[in-house]
Amino acid sequence: VVDVMGEVAEAMGRRLAPLIQAAPECGLSS
C-alpha cells in the first residue's frame, strides 16, 4: 500500500514521508 501511495501522492503533486520525519523537516524541537 505504501509503495502505491507514493506513486499516487507524486501524481497529485505530493511527496510521501514517514510521520517521524515531520519533526526534523519542519524544525520542531525535541
PDB file of all heavy atoms in Angstrom:
ATOM      1  N   VAL A   1       0.832  -1.202   0.000  1.00  0.00           N
ATOM      2  CA  VAL A   1       0.000   0.000   0.000  1.00  0.00           C
ATOM      3  C   VAL A   1       0.868   1.254   0.000  1.00  0.00           C
ATOM      4  O   VAL A   1       0.601   2.209  -0.742  1.00  0.00           O
ATOM      5  CB  VAL A   1      -0.949  -0.005   1.215  1.00  0.00           C
ATOM      6  CG1 VAL A   1      -1.697   1.330   1.318  1.00  0.00           C
ATOM      7  CG2 VAL A   1      -1.938  -1.156   1.119  1.00  0.00           C
ATOM      8  N   VAL A   2       1.912   1.259   0.807  1.00  0.00           N
ATOM      9  CA  VAL A   2       2.793   2.425   0.886  1.00  0.00           C
ATOM     10  C   VAL A   2       3.463   2.671  -0.462  1.00  0.00           C
ATOM     11  O   VAL A   2       3.596   3.827  -0.898  1.00  0.00           O
ATOM     12  CB  VAL A   2       3.840   2.228   2.001  1.00  0.00           C
ATOM     13  CG1 VAL A   2       4.929   3.288   1.910  1.00  0.00           C
ATOM     14  CG2 VAL A   2       3.174   2.292   3.373  1.00  0.00           C
ATOM     15  N   ASP A   3       3.883   1.618  -1.149  1.00  0.00           N
ATOM     16  CA  ASP A   3       4.515   1.779  -2.462  1.00  0.00           C
ATOM     17  C   ASP A   3       3.565   2.465  -3.447  1.00  0.00           C
ATOM     18  O   ASP A   3       3.951   3.413  -4.153  1.00  0.00           O
ATOM     19  CB  ASP A   3       4.945   0.422  -3.017  1.00  0.00           C
ATOM     20  CG  ASP A   3       6.167  -0.152  -2.321  1.00  0.00           C
ATOM     21  OD1 ASP A   3       6.855   0.607  -1.618  1.00  0.00           O
ATOM     22  OD2 ASP A   3       6.419  -1.362  -2.477  1.00  0.00           O
ATOM     23  N   VAL A   4       2.330   1.991  -3.503  1.00  0.00           N
ATOM     24  CA  VAL A   4       1.361   2.584  -4.430  1.00  0.00           C
ATOM     25  C   VAL A   4       0.977   3.990  -3.983  1.00  0.00           C
ATOM     26  O   VAL A   4       0.818   4.888  -4.813  1.00  0.00           O
ATOM     27  CB  VAL A   4       0.117   1.677  -4.553  1.00  0.00           C
ATOM     28  CG1 VAL A   4      -0.976   2.365  -5.366  1.00  0.00           C
ATOM     29  CG2 VAL A   4       0.489   0.349  -5.191  1.00  0.00           C
ATOM     30  N   MET A   5       0.872   4.201  -2.678  1.00  0.00           N
ATOM     31  CA  MET A   5       0.532   5.534  -2.180  1.00  0.00           C
ATOM     32  C   MET A   5       1.607   6.547  -2.565  1.00  0.00           C
ATOM     33  O   MET A   5       1.304   7.711  -2.855  1.00  0.00           O
ATOM     34  CB  MET A   5       0.333   5.509  -0.672  1.00  0.00           C
ATOM     35  CG  MET A   5      -0.218   6.803  -0.103  1.00  0.00           C
ATOM     36  SD  MET A   5      -0.784   6.661   1.601  1.00  0.00           S
ATOM     37  CE  MET A   5      -2.214   5.611   1.406  1.00  0.00           C
ATOM     38  N   GLY A   6       2.862   6.123  -2.576  1.00  0.00           N
ATOM     39  CA  GLY A   6       3.930   7.012  -3.006  1.00  0.00           C
ATOM     40  C   GLY A   6       3.747   7.454  -4.448  1.00  0.00           C
ATOM     41  O   GLY A   6       3.945   8.630  -4.783  1.00  0.00           O
ATOM     42  N   GLU A   7       3.327   6.524  -5.303  1.00  0.00           N
ATOM     43  CA  GLU A   7       3.096   6.846  -6.711  1.00  0.00           C
ATOM     44  C   GLU A   7       1.891   7.783  -6.864  1.00  0.00           C
ATOM     45  O   GLU A   7       1.929   8.744  -7.639  1.00  0.00           O
ATOM     46  CB  GLU A   7       2.863   5.557  -7.498  1.00  0.00           C
ATOM     47  CG  GLU A   7       4.063   4.615  -7.512  1.00  0.00           C
ATOM     48  CD  GLU A   7       3.726   3.253  -8.076  1.00  0.00           C
ATOM     49  OE1 GLU A   7       2.570   3.065  -8.529  1.00  0.00           O
ATOM     50  OE2 GLU A   7       4.609   2.376  -8.096  1.00  0.00           O
ATOM     51  N   VAL A   8       0.818   7.489  -6.121  1.00  0.00           N
ATOM     52  CA  VAL A   8      -0.381   8.325  -6.194  1.00  0.00           C
ATOM     53  C   VAL A   8      -0.089   9.725  -5.663  1.00  0.00           C
ATOM     54  O   VAL A   8      -0.503  10.730  -6.253  1.00  0.00           O
ATOM     55  CB  VAL A   8      -1.535   7.673  -5.400  1.00  0.00           C
ATOM     56  CG1 VAL A   8      -2.716   8.626  -5.283  1.00  0.00           C
ATOM     57  CG2 VAL A   8      -1.967   6.366  -6.066  1.00  0.00           C
ATOM     58  N   ALA A   9       0.625   9.805  -4.556  1.00  0.00           N
ATOM     59  CA  ALA A   9       0.970  11.108  -3.985  1.00  0.00           C
ATOM     60  C   ALA A   9       1.770  11.939  -4.979  1.00  0.00           C
ATOM     61  O   ALA A   9       1.513  13.139  -5.166  1.00  0.00           O
ATOM     62  CB  ALA A   9       1.756  10.917  -2.688  1.00  0.00           C
ATOM     63  N   GLU A  10       2.736  11.309  -5.616  1.00  0.00           N
ATOM     64  CA  GLU A  10       3.561  12.027  -6.594  1.00  0.00           C
ATOM     65  C   GLU A  10       2.715  12.545  -7.748  1.00  0.00           C
ATOM     66  O   GLU A  10       2.902  13.682  -8.218  1.00  0.00           O
ATOM     67  CB  GLU A  10       4.661  11.104  -7.122  1.00  0.00           C
ATOM     68  CG  GLU A  10       5.646  11.795  -8.044  1.00  0.00           C
ATOM     69  CD  GLU A  10       6.792  10.893  -8.450  1.00  0.00           C
ATOM     70  OE1 GLU A  10       6.880   9.757  -7.961  1.00  0.00           O
ATOM     71  OE2 GLU A  10       7.620  11.344  -9.276  1.00  0.00           O
ATOM     72  N   ALA A  11       1.756  11.728  -8.213  1.00  0.00           N
ATOM     73  CA  ALA A  11       0.877  12.154  -9.301  1.00  0.00           C
ATOM     74  C   ALA A  11      -0.001  13.330  -8.883  1.00  0.00           C
ATOM     75  O   ALA A  11      -0.440  14.111  -9.728  1.00  0.00           O
ATOM     76  CB  ALA A  11       0.007  10.987  -9.749  1.00  0.00           C
ATOM     77  N   MET A  12      -0.244  13.466  -7.579  1.00  0.00           N
ATOM     78  CA  MET A  12      -1.050  14.567  -7.052  1.00  0.00           C
ATOM     79  C   MET A  12      -0.192  15.756  -6.620  1.00  0.00           C
ATOM     80  O   MET A  12      -0.684  16.700  -6.017  1.00  0.00           O
ATOM     81  CB  MET A  12      -1.884  14.085  -5.860  1.00  0.00           C
ATOM     82  CG  MET A  12      -2.961  13.090  -6.224  1.00  0.00           C
ATOM     83  SD  MET A  12      -3.934  12.582  -4.749  1.00  0.00           S
ATOM     84  CE  MET A  12      -5.285  11.688  -5.516  1.00  0.00           C
ATOM     85  N   GLY A  13       1.115  15.675  -6.895  1.00  0.00           N
ATOM     86  CA  GLY A  13       1.998  16.779  -6.549  1.00  0.00           C
ATOM     87  C   GLY A  13       2.452  16.777  -5.113  1.00  0.00           C
ATOM     88  O   GLY A  13       2.890  17.809  -4.586  1.00  0.00           O
ATOM     89  N   ARG A  14       2.368  15.625  -4.445  1.00  0.00           N
ATOM     90  CA  ARG A  14       2.799  15.499  -3.062  1.00  0.00           C
ATOM     91  C   ARG A  14       3.936  14.495  -2.949  1.00  0.00           C
ATOM     92  O   ARG A  14       4.230  13.764  -3.894  1.00  0.00           O
ATOM     93  CB  ARG A  14       1.637  15.061  -2.160  1.00  0.00           C
ATOM     94  CG  ARG A  14       0.556  16.111  -2.001  1.00  0.00           C
ATOM     95  CD  ARG A  14      -0.581  15.604  -1.130  1.00  0.00           C
ATOM     96  NE  ARG A  14      -1.573  16.624  -0.825  1.00  0.00           N
ATOM     97  CZ  ARG A  14      -1.556  17.397   0.244  1.00  0.00           C
ATOM     98  NH1 ARG A  14      -0.586  17.272   1.140  1.00  0.00           N
ATOM     99  NH2 ARG A  14      -2.495  18.296   0.470  1.00  0.00           N
ATOM    100  N   ARG A  15       4.559  14.464  -1.780  1.00  0.00           N
ATOM    101  CA  ARG A  15       5.637  13.511  -1.530  1.00  0.00           C
ATOM    102  C   ARG A  15       5.328  12.705  -0.282  1.00  0.00           C
ATOM    103  O   ARG A  15       4.949  13.261   0.743  1.00  0.00           O
ATOM    104  CB  ARG A  15       6.978  14.232  -1.344  1.00  0.00           C
ATOM    105  CG  ARG A  15       8.154  13.292  -1.117  1.00  0.00           C
ATOM    106  CD  ARG A  15       9.472  14.045  -1.113  1.00  0.00           C
ATOM    107  NE  ARG A  15       9.610  14.925   0.032  1.00  0.00           N
ATOM    108  CZ  ARG A  15       9.991  14.519   1.247  1.00  0.00           C
ATOM    109  NH1 ARG A  15      10.236  13.234   1.483  1.00  0.00           N
ATOM    110  NH2 ARG A  15      10.118  15.387   2.237  1.00  0.00           N
ATOM    111  N   LEU A  16       5.486  11.389  -0.389  1.00  0.00           N
ATOM    112  CA  LEU A  16       5.231  10.508   0.744  1.00  0.00           C
ATOM    113  C   LEU A  16       6.413  10.532   1.701  1.00  0.00           C
ATOM    114  O   LEU A  16       7.570  10.530   1.280  1.00  0.00           O
ATOM    115  CB  LEU A  16       5.007   9.082   0.233  1.00  0.00           C
ATOM    116  CG  LEU A  16       4.407   8.085   1.217  1.00  0.00           C
ATOM    117  CD1 LEU A  16       2.936   8.388   1.442  1.00  0.00           C
ATOM    118  CD2 LEU A  16       4.581   6.657   0.706  1.00  0.00           C
ATOM    119  N   ALA A  17       6.122  10.533   3.006  1.00  0.00           N
ATOM    120  CA  ALA A  17       7.183  10.516   4.019  1.00  0.00           C
ATOM    121  C   ALA A  17       6.636   9.886   5.295  1.00  0.00           C
ATOM    122  O   ALA A  17       5.453  10.023   5.601  1.00  0.00           O
ATOM    123  CB  ALA A  17       7.673  11.929   4.316  1.00  0.00           C
ATOM    124  N   PRO A  18       7.472   9.196   6.058  1.00  0.00           N
ATOM    125  CA  PRO A  18       7.022   8.698   7.355  1.00  0.00           C
ATOM    126  C   PRO A  18       6.780   9.872   8.302  1.00  0.00           C
ATOM    127  O   PRO A  18       7.503  10.870   8.271  1.00  0.00           O
ATOM    128  CB  PRO A  18       8.174   7.817   7.831  1.00  0.00           C
ATOM    129  CG  PRO A  18       9.370   8.291   7.077  1.00  0.00           C
ATOM    130  CD  PRO A  18       8.868   8.804   5.762  1.00  0.00           C
ATOM    131  N   LEU A  19       5.764   9.756   9.150  1.00  0.00           N
ATOM    132  CA  LEU A  19       5.420  10.849  10.062  1.00  0.00           C
ATOM    133  C   LEU A  19       6.604  11.259  10.923  1.00  0.00           C
ATOM    134  O   LEU A  19       6.761  12.446  11.237  1.00  0.00           O
ATOM    135  CB  LEU A  19       4.245  10.426  10.962  1.00  0.00           C
ATOM    136  CG  LEU A  19       3.786  11.464  11.993  1.00  0.00           C
ATOM    137  CD1 LEU A  19       3.222  12.704  11.312  1.00  0.00           C
ATOM    138  CD2 LEU A  19       2.761  10.856  12.951  1.00  0.00           C
ATOM    139  N   ILE A  20       7.440  10.311  11.285  1.00  0.00           N
ATOM    140  CA  ILE A  20       8.568  10.619  12.173  1.00  0.00           C
ATOM    141  C   ILE A  20       9.509  11.651  11.560  1.00  0.00           C
ATOM    142  O   ILE A  20      10.267  12.315  12.268  1.00  0.00           O
ATOM    143  CB  ILE A  20       9.318   9.322  12.541  1.00  0.00           C
ATOM    144  CG1 ILE A  20      10.170   9.532  13.792  1.00  0.00           C
ATOM    145  CG2 ILE A  20      10.130   8.801  11.371  1.00  0.00           C
ATOM    146  CD1 ILE A  20      10.712   8.259  14.376  1.00  0.00           C
ATOM    147  N   GLN A  21       9.447  11.820  10.224  1.00  0.00           N
ATOM    148  CA  GLN A  21      10.282  12.830   9.567  1.00  0.00           C
ATOM    149  C   GLN A  21       9.729  14.239   9.701  1.00  0.00           C
ATOM    150  O   GLN A  21      10.421  15.213   9.387  1.00  0.00           O
ATOM    151  CB  GLN A  21      10.461  12.488   8.084  1.00  0.00           C
ATOM    152  CG  GLN A  21      11.418  11.352   7.809  1.00  0.00           C
ATOM    153  CD  GLN A  21      11.694  11.174   6.330  1.00  0.00           C
ATOM    154  OE1 GLN A  21      11.292  11.982   5.497  1.00  0.00           O
ATOM    155  NE2 GLN A  21      12.382  10.101   5.994  1.00  0.00           N
ATOM    156  N   ALA A  22       8.478  14.363  10.162  1.00  0.00           N
ATOM    157  CA  ALA A  22       7.866  15.690  10.229  1.00  0.00           C
ATOM    158  C   ALA A  22       8.632  16.622  11.149  1.00  0.00           C
ATOM    159  O   ALA A  22       8.805  17.808  10.856  1.00  0.00           O
ATOM    160  CB  ALA A  22       6.411  15.570  10.684  1.00  0.00           C
ATOM    161  N   ALA A  23       9.101  16.095  12.270  1.00  0.00           N
ATOM    162  CA  ALA A  23       9.805  16.950  13.235  1.00  0.00           C
ATOM    163  C   ALA A  23      11.068  17.564  12.646  1.00  0.00           C
ATOM    164  O   ALA A  23      11.231  18.791  12.666  1.00  0.00           O
ATOM    165  CB  ALA A  23      10.108  16.174  14.509  1.00  0.00           C
ATOM    166  N   PRO A  24      12.005  16.760  12.114  1.00  0.00           N
ATOM    167  CA  PRO A  24      13.197  17.387  11.543  1.00  0.00           C
ATOM    168  C   PRO A  24      12.905  18.219  10.295  1.00  0.00           C
ATOM    169  O   PRO A  24      13.563  19.240  10.059  1.00  0.00           O
ATOM    170  CB  PRO A  24      14.103  16.192  11.207  1.00  0.00           C
ATOM    171  CG  PRO A  24      13.210  15.007  11.138  1.00  0.00           C
ATOM    172  CD  PRO A  24      12.106  15.291  12.117  1.00  0.00           C
ATOM    173  N   GLU A  25      11.907  17.814   9.502  1.00  0.00           N
ATOM    174  CA  GLU A  25      11.603  18.565   8.279  1.00  0.00           C
ATOM    175  C   GLU A  25      11.085  19.963   8.588  1.00  0.00           C
ATOM    176  O   GLU A  25      11.373  20.914   7.856  1.00  0.00           O
ATOM    177  CB  GLU A  25      10.558  17.814   7.446  1.00  0.00           C
ATOM    178  CG  GLU A  25      11.125  16.656   6.647  1.00  0.00           C
ATOM    179  CD  GLU A  25      10.109  16.047   5.695  1.00  0.00           C
ATOM    180  OE1 GLU A  25       8.901  16.318   5.836  1.00  0.00           O
ATOM    181  OE2 GLU A  25      10.522  15.297   4.806  1.00  0.00           O
ATOM    182  N   CYS A  26      10.320  20.108   9.669  1.00  0.00           N
ATOM    183  CA  CYS A  26       9.740  21.426   9.945  1.00  0.00           C
ATOM    184  C   CYS A  26      10.456  22.153  11.079  1.00  0.00           C
ATOM    185  O   CYS A  26      10.031  23.228  11.489  1.00  0.00           O
ATOM    186  CB  CYS A  26       8.250  21.289  10.255  1.00  0.00           C
ATOM    187  SG  CYS A  26       7.874  20.652  11.894  1.00  0.00           S
ATOM    188  N   GLY A  27      11.540  21.560  11.579  1.00  0.00           N
ATOM    189  CA  GLY A  27      12.310  22.229  12.621  1.00  0.00           C
ATOM    190  C   GLY A  27      11.660  22.190  13.985  1.00  0.00           C
ATOM    191  O   GLY A  27      11.917  23.058  14.827  1.00  0.00           O
ATOM    192  N   LEU A  28      10.823  21.188  14.225  1.00  0.00           N
ATOM    193  CA  LEU A  28      10.169  21.048  15.527  1.00  0.00           C
ATOM    194  C   LEU A  28      11.188  20.562  16.551  1.00  0.00           C
ATOM    195  O   LEU A  28      11.779  19.498  16.390  1.00  0.00           O
ATOM    196  CB  LEU A  28       9.015  20.048  15.416  1.00  0.00           C
ATOM    197  CG  LEU A  28       8.131  19.839  16.636  1.00  0.00           C
ATOM    198  CD1 LEU A  28       7.348  21.113  16.947  1.00  0.00           C
ATOM    199  CD2 LEU A  28       7.173  18.675  16.394  1.00  0.00           C
ATOM    200  N   SER A  29      11.409  21.345  17.596  1.00  0.00           N
ATOM    201  CA  SER A  29      12.425  20.997  18.578  1.00  0.00           C
ATOM    202  C   SER A  29      11.980  19.801  19.413  1.00  0.00           C
ATOM    203  O   SER A  29      10.786  19.592  19.651  1.00  0.00           O
ATOM    204  CB  SER A  29      12.715  22.180  19.503  1.00  0.00           C
ATOM    205  OG  SER A  29      11.627  22.408  20.382  1.00  0.00           O
ATOM    206  N   SER A  30      12.941  19.036  19.878  1.00  0.00           N
ATOM    207  CA  SER A  30      12.629  17.874  20.709  1.00  0.00           C
ATOM    208  C   SER A  30      11.971  18.313  22.013  1.00  0.00           C
ATOM    209  O   SER A  30      11.091  17.633  22.538  1.00  0.00           O
ATOM    210  CB  SER A  30      13.896  17.065  20.992  1.00  0.00           C
ATOM    211  OG  SER A  30      14.879  17.867  21.631  1.00  0.00           O
TER     212      SER A  30
END
